Protein backbone atom coordinates (compact mmCIF):
# COMPACT_ATOMS: atom_id res chain seq x y z
CA MET A 1 -29.17 41.04 -14.21
CA TYR A 2 -27.14 38.15 -13.37
CA LYS A 3 -29.79 35.43 -12.72
CA TRP A 4 -27.51 33.16 -14.90
CA ILE A 5 -24.67 32.76 -12.85
CA MET A 6 -26.47 30.41 -10.28
CA PRO A 7 -27.81 27.82 -12.90
CA VAL A 8 -24.14 27.75 -14.20
CA LEU A 9 -22.31 27.38 -10.80
CA ILE A 10 -24.39 24.44 -9.86
CA VAL A 11 -23.95 22.84 -13.29
CA ILE A 12 -20.45 23.37 -12.75
CA ALA A 13 -20.69 21.62 -9.32
CA CYS A 14 -22.33 18.98 -10.63
CA LEU A 15 -19.67 18.54 -13.43
CA PHE A 16 -17.06 18.66 -10.90
CA GLY A 17 -18.86 15.81 -8.12
CA VAL A 18 -19.10 13.39 -11.11
CA TYR A 19 -15.64 13.64 -12.31
CA LEU A 20 -14.69 13.25 -8.67
CA LEU A 21 -16.43 10.25 -8.15
CA ALA A 22 -15.67 8.80 -11.37
CA GLN A 23 -11.91 9.24 -10.50
CA GLY A 24 -11.66 8.70 -7.08
CA LEU A 25 -13.13 5.51 -6.66
CA PRO A 26 -10.68 2.78 -4.94
CA GLU A 27 -9.74 0.04 -6.79
CA ARG A 28 -12.35 -2.97 -6.48
CA PRO A 29 -10.61 -5.53 -3.75
CA LYS A 30 -9.56 -9.11 -5.07
CA GLU A 31 -10.77 -12.10 -4.17
CA GLU A 32 -8.11 -14.70 -3.31
CA LYS A 33 -8.10 -17.89 -5.06
CA LEU A 34 -8.64 -20.86 -3.03
CA ALA A 35 -7.53 -24.59 -3.68
CA ALA A 36 -10.10 -27.35 -3.29
CA GLY A 37 -9.73 -28.36 0.73
CA GLU A 38 -8.15 -25.12 1.44
CA GLU A 39 -9.68 -22.58 3.56
CA LEU A 40 -9.27 -18.42 3.89
CA LEU A 41 -7.44 -17.17 7.51
CA LYS A 42 -7.33 -13.19 7.41
CA ILE A 43 -5.40 -11.53 9.90
CA THR A 44 -5.85 -7.68 9.80
CA ALA A 45 -3.01 -5.57 12.20
CA THR A 46 -4.91 -1.72 13.22
CA ASN A 47 -3.35 0.49 16.18
CA PHE A 48 -1.77 -2.22 18.50
CA GLN A 49 -4.07 -4.88 17.93
CA PHE A 50 -5.21 -7.91 15.74
CA ASP A 51 -8.91 -7.59 14.21
CA GLN A 52 -9.83 -10.91 16.52
CA LYS A 53 -8.35 -11.54 19.93
CA GLU A 54 -8.60 -15.54 19.11
CA TYR A 55 -8.78 -16.66 15.86
CA HIS A 56 -10.06 -20.76 15.88
CA LEU A 57 -9.04 -22.86 13.28
CA LYS A 58 -9.24 -26.50 11.97
CA ALA A 59 -6.91 -29.13 12.60
CA ASP A 60 -5.24 -30.54 9.65
CA THR A 61 -7.09 -28.03 7.05
CA LYS A 62 -4.35 -26.06 4.69
CA TYR A 63 -5.00 -22.30 5.20
CA LEU A 64 -4.37 -19.40 2.93
CA ILE A 65 -3.04 -16.95 5.66
CA SER A 66 -3.37 -13.44 4.37
CA PHE A 67 -2.27 -10.40 6.44
CA ASN A 68 -3.10 -6.40 6.46
CA SER A 69 -1.60 -3.92 8.46
CA LYS A 70 -4.02 -0.70 7.87
CA LEU A 71 -2.86 1.67 10.75
CA GLY A 72 1.20 1.59 11.46
CA ASN A 73 3.88 -0.84 10.57
CA HIS A 74 3.16 -3.93 11.89
CA GLY A 75 3.95 -8.26 11.39
CA ALA A 76 2.15 -11.34 12.33
CA GLU A 77 4.18 -13.89 14.07
CA ILE A 78 3.73 -17.10 15.23
CA ASP A 79 7.47 -18.44 16.87
CA GLU A 80 6.44 -22.22 17.46
CA LEU A 81 5.38 -22.49 14.02
CA GLY A 82 8.20 -20.43 12.29
CA ILE A 83 5.19 -18.08 10.79
CA ASN A 84 6.22 -14.16 9.89
CA MET A 85 4.68 -12.16 8.09
CA THR A 86 4.66 -8.55 7.12
CA LYS A 87 3.62 -5.84 4.43
CA ASP A 88 6.50 -7.40 2.38
CA ASN A 89 5.17 -10.96 3.05
CA PRO A 90 1.69 -10.87 3.60
CA LYS A 91 0.61 -14.40 2.22
CA MET A 92 1.33 -17.81 2.65
CA GLU A 93 -0.30 -21.45 3.00
CA TYR A 94 -0.06 -23.38 6.29
CA THR A 95 -1.20 -26.50 7.68
CA PHE A 96 -1.97 -26.55 11.58
CA LYS A 97 -1.39 -29.17 13.88
CA PRO A 98 -4.21 -28.78 17.44
CA GLY A 99 -2.74 -26.59 19.70
CA THR A 100 -2.71 -23.26 20.97
CA TYR A 101 -0.44 -20.57 19.76
CA GLU A 102 0.38 -17.06 20.37
CA LEU A 103 0.38 -14.22 17.92
CA HIS A 104 2.38 -11.31 18.32
CA CYS A 105 3.20 -8.33 16.25
CA SER A 106 6.84 -8.88 15.12
CA ILE A 107 8.16 -5.39 14.32
CA MET A 108 8.54 -2.86 17.03
CA CYS A 109 5.44 -0.68 16.11
CA GLY A 110 5.23 1.85 19.18
CA GLN A 111 3.82 1.97 22.85
CA GLY A 112 0.89 -0.65 22.08
CA HIS A 113 3.40 -3.25 20.54
CA ALA A 114 3.94 -5.35 24.19
CA GLY A 115 -0.04 -5.66 23.96
CA MET A 116 0.01 -6.73 20.56
CA VAL A 117 -1.14 -10.69 21.22
CA ALA A 118 -3.99 -12.81 20.21
CA LYS A 119 -4.31 -16.72 20.26
CA VAL A 120 -4.55 -19.22 17.36
CA ILE A 121 -6.67 -22.04 18.96
CA VAL A 122 -6.53 -25.12 16.52
CA GLU A 123 -9.19 -27.93 17.42
């Protein structure tokens, strides 16, 4: 008697799924535009840690530094070089001199803030 209900529900579910896929896709990531001789340094902060314990860079090379804070409100600061990046100031250009520098979170982000440290090693 009600044999038509199941095919109709399947069609409705398929149309709803196609609608969600078309409307719910995230924006495509934008690629960074680099000048000639420039390199990209990406720093990502998540859950009271940076994405790498050590960042190895080349000395006297111009870098475009891109900072991203995924979970929580974090910052990235190298006191010795005057670099301080936040979600409001996520990009900057810098040419590093040889040495080892400490990268730490510049925003009081919670209980794991004190341990949020990485090294920047410039060779």
